[in-house]
């Protein structure tokens, strides 16, 4: 069975989270691009968090992702960075 979500449209709210490694630099360009498409961008706590090499501890990363999954106003969730830390959640 193939499930395809609806296309994003201007005015939709999208989230950015980091379920694994922390970001080495700011995401300004990505945010500006999404906003230029008319999307409302919400940043997770993990975008600026740091715990060793991860974007926050396991509990914070899991809570950040879960918050966006539960929020019906969020139409898409972007993982800014992936990796080993994702399976630790």
N, C-alpha and C. Protein backbone atom coordinates (compact mmCIF):
# COMPACT_ATOMS: atom_id res chain seq x y z
N UNK A 1 0.84 -1.17 0.00
CA UNK A 1 0.00 0.00 0.00
C UNK A 1 0.89 1.24 0.00
N UNK A 2 0.62 2.13 -0.89
CA UNK A 2 1.36 3.38 -1.01
C UNK A 2 0.57 4.50 -0.35
N UNK A 3 1.19 5.21 0.57
CA UNK A 3 0.54 6.34 1.21
C UNK A 3 1.29 7.60 0.81
N UNK A 4 0.59 8.53 0.21
CA UNK A 4 1.22 9.78 -0.22
C UNK A 4 0.52 10.93 0.49
N UNK A 5 1.27 11.70 1.28
CA UNK A 5 0.65 12.85 1.95
C UNK A 5 0.31 13.93 0.94
N UNK A 6 -0.58 14.84 1.32
CA UNK A 6 -0.90 15.94 0.40
C UNK A 6 0.32 16.83 0.19
N UNK A 7 0.36 17.49 -0.96
CA UNK A 7 1.44 18.42 -1.24
C UNK A 7 1.38 19.60 -0.28
N UNK A 8 2.54 20.14 0.04
CA UNK A 8 2.59 21.34 0.87
C UNK A 8 2.12 22.54 0.04
N UNK A 9 1.46 23.47 0.71
CA UNK A 9 1.00 24.67 0.02
C UNK A 9 1.33 25.89 0.88
N UNK A 10 1.38 27.06 0.27
CA UNK A 10 1.67 28.28 1.04
C UNK A 10 0.74 28.39 2.24
N UNK A 11 1.33 28.77 3.37
CA UNK A 11 0.57 28.88 4.60
C UNK A 11 0.68 27.66 5.50
N UNK A 12 1.14 26.53 4.95
CA UNK A 12 1.31 25.33 5.76
C UNK A 12 2.44 25.53 6.76
N UNK A 13 2.29 24.89 7.91
CA UNK A 13 3.30 24.96 8.96
C UNK A 13 4.16 23.70 8.88
N UNK A 14 5.48 23.88 8.84
CA UNK A 14 6.42 22.76 8.80
C UNK A 14 7.40 22.89 9.96
N UNK A 15 7.92 21.76 10.40
CA UNK A 15 8.84 21.74 11.54
C UNK A 15 10.20 21.23 11.11
N UNK A 16 11.23 21.75 11.78
CA UNK A 16 12.59 21.25 11.59
C UNK A 16 13.09 20.78 12.94
N UNK A 17 13.58 19.55 12.99
CA UNK A 17 14.13 18.97 14.20
C UNK A 17 15.44 18.26 13.88
N UNK A 18 16.21 17.98 14.89
CA UNK A 18 17.48 17.27 14.73
C UNK A 18 17.43 16.01 15.59
N UNK A 19 17.04 14.87 15.03
CA UNK A 19 16.90 13.66 15.83
C UNK A 19 18.21 12.95 16.15
N UNK A 20 19.32 13.47 15.67
CA UNK A 20 20.60 12.79 15.91
C UNK A 20 21.68 13.82 16.24
N UNK A 21 22.59 14.00 15.30
CA UNK A 21 23.75 14.86 15.52
C UNK A 21 23.37 16.34 15.54
N UNK A 22 24.13 17.11 16.31
CA UNK A 22 23.89 18.56 16.35
C UNK A 22 24.34 19.20 15.05
N UNK A 23 23.80 20.36 14.79
CA UNK A 23 24.14 21.07 13.56
C UNK A 23 25.48 21.78 13.69
N UNK A 24 26.31 21.69 12.65
CA UNK A 24 27.61 22.36 12.71
C UNK A 24 27.50 23.86 12.41
N UNK A 25 26.38 24.30 11.87
CA UNK A 25 26.21 25.71 11.51
C UNK A 25 24.72 26.06 11.51
N UNK A 26 24.42 27.32 11.40
CA UNK A 26 23.03 27.79 11.40
C UNK A 26 22.30 27.32 10.14
N UNK A 27 21.00 27.25 10.23
CA UNK A 27 20.17 26.78 9.12
C UNK A 27 19.48 27.93 8.40
N UNK A 28 20.03 29.10 8.45
CA UNK A 28 19.39 30.28 7.90
C UNK A 28 18.96 30.11 6.45
N UNK A 29 19.83 29.57 5.61
CA UNK A 29 19.50 29.41 4.19
C UNK A 29 18.30 28.48 3.99
N UNK A 30 18.27 27.37 4.72
CA UNK A 30 17.17 26.42 4.59
C UNK A 30 15.85 27.05 5.05
N UNK A 31 15.91 27.77 6.14
CA UNK A 31 14.70 28.42 6.67
C UNK A 31 14.19 29.46 5.68
N UNK A 32 15.10 30.27 5.14
CA UNK A 32 14.70 31.29 4.16
C UNK A 32 14.10 30.66 2.91
N UNK A 33 14.65 29.53 2.47
CA UNK A 33 14.11 28.84 1.30
C UNK A 33 12.68 28.37 1.57
N UNK A 34 12.47 27.71 2.70
CA UNK A 34 11.13 27.23 3.03
C UNK A 34 10.15 28.40 3.15
N UNK A 35 10.58 29.48 3.77
CA UNK A 35 9.71 30.65 3.90
C UNK A 35 9.44 31.30 2.55
N UNK A 36 10.39 31.24 1.62
CA UNK A 36 10.16 31.80 0.28
C UNK A 36 9.09 31.02 -0.47
N UNK A 37 8.88 29.78 -0.06
CA UNK A 37 7.81 28.96 -0.65
C UNK A 37 6.47 29.21 0.04
N UNK A 38 6.45 30.14 0.99
CA UNK A 38 5.22 30.48 1.69
C UNK A 38 4.92 29.60 2.89
N UNK A 39 5.89 28.82 3.33
CA UNK A 39 5.68 27.92 4.46
C UNK A 39 6.04 28.62 5.76
N UNK A 40 5.32 28.27 6.81
CA UNK A 40 5.63 28.78 8.15
C UNK A 40 6.55 27.76 8.82
N UNK A 41 7.73 28.17 9.21
CA UNK A 41 8.74 27.26 9.76
C UNK A 41 8.77 27.34 11.28
N UNK A 42 8.68 26.16 11.91
CA UNK A 42 8.78 26.05 13.36
C UNK A 42 10.05 25.25 13.66
N UNK A 43 10.90 25.80 14.51
CA UNK A 43 12.15 25.11 14.85
C UNK A 43 11.99 24.36 16.17
N UNK A 44 12.47 23.13 16.19
CA UNK A 44 12.47 22.36 17.42
C UNK A 44 13.58 22.82 18.35
N UNK A 45 13.45 22.44 19.61
CA UNK A 45 14.49 22.78 20.59
C UNK A 45 15.84 22.19 20.20
N UNK A 46 15.82 21.08 19.50
CA UNK A 46 17.05 20.38 19.15
C UNK A 46 17.88 21.11 18.11
N UNK A 47 17.31 22.07 17.42
CA UNK A 47 18.05 22.80 16.38
C UNK A 47 19.21 23.58 17.00
N UNK A 48 19.04 24.02 18.23
CA UNK A 48 20.11 24.78 18.89
C UNK A 48 20.72 24.04 20.08
N UNK A 49 20.21 22.85 20.39
CA UNK A 49 20.69 22.11 21.56
C UNK A 49 22.00 21.39 21.26
N UNK A 50 22.73 21.09 22.33
CA UNK A 50 23.99 20.38 22.19
C UNK A 50 24.23 19.51 23.42
N UNK A 51 24.53 18.24 23.17
CA UNK A 51 24.87 17.29 24.23
C UNK A 51 25.90 16.34 23.64
N UNK A 52 27.17 16.54 23.98
CA UNK A 52 28.27 15.83 23.32
C UNK A 52 28.16 16.09 21.82
N UNK A 53 28.12 15.03 21.00
CA UNK A 53 28.01 15.26 19.55
C UNK A 53 26.55 15.33 19.08
N UNK A 54 25.60 15.13 20.01
CA UNK A 54 24.18 15.07 19.66
C UNK A 54 23.49 16.43 19.82
N UNK A 55 22.32 16.52 19.22
CA UNK A 55 21.48 17.73 19.32
C UNK A 55 20.57 17.61 20.53
N UNK A 56 21.17 17.52 21.70
CA UNK A 56 20.42 17.31 22.93
C UNK A 56 20.51 15.86 23.35
N UNK A 57 20.11 15.58 24.60
CA UNK A 57 20.15 14.19 25.04
C UNK A 57 19.03 13.39 24.38
N UNK A 58 19.05 12.08 24.57
CA UNK A 58 18.08 11.20 23.90
C UNK A 58 16.64 11.60 24.20
N UNK A 59 16.36 11.92 25.46
CA UNK A 59 14.99 12.28 25.86
C UNK A 59 14.53 13.56 25.18
N UNK A 60 15.39 14.56 25.09
CA UNK A 60 15.03 15.82 24.44
C UNK A 60 14.76 15.60 22.95
N UNK A 61 15.61 14.84 22.29
CA UNK A 61 15.42 14.60 20.85
C UNK A 61 14.13 13.84 20.59
N UNK A 62 13.83 12.85 21.42
CA UNK A 62 12.59 12.09 21.26
C UNK A 62 11.37 12.97 21.52
N UNK A 63 11.43 13.78 22.56
CA UNK A 63 10.30 14.66 22.91
C UNK A 63 10.06 15.69 21.81
N UNK A 64 11.13 16.22 21.24
CA UNK A 64 11.02 17.21 20.17
C UNK A 64 10.28 16.61 18.97
N UNK A 65 10.71 15.44 18.55
CA UNK A 65 10.06 14.77 17.41
C UNK A 65 8.62 14.42 17.74
N UNK A 66 8.38 13.87 18.93
CA UNK A 66 7.03 13.46 19.32
C UNK A 66 6.08 14.66 19.37
N UNK A 67 6.58 15.80 19.83
CA UNK A 67 5.75 17.01 19.90
C UNK A 67 5.25 17.39 18.50
N UNK A 68 6.12 17.30 17.51
CA UNK A 68 5.73 17.64 16.15
C UNK A 68 4.79 16.59 15.55
N UNK A 69 5.01 15.32 15.86
CA UNK A 69 4.14 14.26 15.36
C UNK A 69 2.72 14.45 15.89
N UNK A 70 2.59 14.83 17.15
CA UNK A 70 1.28 15.00 17.78
C UNK A 70 0.56 16.28 17.35
N UNK A 71 1.27 17.25 16.84
CA UNK A 71 0.70 18.55 16.49
C UNK A 71 0.06 18.48 15.10
N UNK A 72 -1.27 18.51 15.07
CA UNK A 72 -2.00 18.39 13.80
C UNK A 72 -1.79 19.59 12.87
N UNK A 73 -1.30 20.71 13.41
CA UNK A 73 -1.08 21.87 12.56
C UNK A 73 0.22 21.75 11.75
N UNK A 74 1.09 20.84 12.14
CA UNK A 74 2.36 20.62 11.43
C UNK A 74 2.09 19.69 10.24
N UNK A 75 2.35 20.17 9.04
CA UNK A 75 2.06 19.40 7.83
C UNK A 75 3.25 18.58 7.34
N UNK A 76 4.46 18.91 7.79
CA UNK A 76 5.65 18.14 7.41
C UNK A 76 6.72 18.34 8.48
N UNK A 77 7.52 17.31 8.69
CA UNK A 77 8.63 17.37 9.63
C UNK A 77 9.91 17.09 8.86
N UNK A 78 10.85 18.02 8.93
CA UNK A 78 12.14 17.85 8.28
C UNK A 78 13.19 17.52 9.34
N UNK A 79 13.95 16.47 9.11
CA UNK A 79 15.09 16.15 9.97
C UNK A 79 16.30 16.87 9.39
N UNK A 80 16.80 17.86 10.13
CA UNK A 80 17.92 18.66 9.63
C UNK A 80 19.19 17.83 9.52
N UNK A 81 19.28 16.83 10.35
CA UNK A 81 20.47 15.99 10.35
C UNK A 81 20.07 14.64 10.90
N UNK A 82 20.61 13.58 10.36
CA UNK A 82 20.30 12.25 10.85
C UNK A 82 21.56 11.56 11.33
N UNK A 83 21.45 10.28 11.61
CA UNK A 83 22.61 9.51 12.01
C UNK A 83 22.32 8.58 13.16
N UNK A 84 23.38 8.09 13.76
CA UNK A 84 23.31 7.08 14.82
C UNK A 84 22.42 7.50 15.98
N UNK A 85 22.42 8.76 16.32
CA UNK A 85 21.64 9.22 17.46
C UNK A 85 20.15 8.96 17.31
N UNK A 86 19.68 8.83 16.10
CA UNK A 86 18.25 8.59 15.87
C UNK A 86 17.81 7.26 16.47
N UNK A 87 18.62 6.22 16.35
CA UNK A 87 18.21 4.92 16.89
C UNK A 87 18.31 4.87 18.41
N UNK A 88 18.98 5.83 19.00
CA UNK A 88 19.10 5.88 20.46
C UNK A 88 17.84 6.44 21.12
N UNK A 89 16.99 7.07 20.35
CA UNK A 89 15.79 7.68 20.95
C UNK A 89 14.86 6.59 21.40
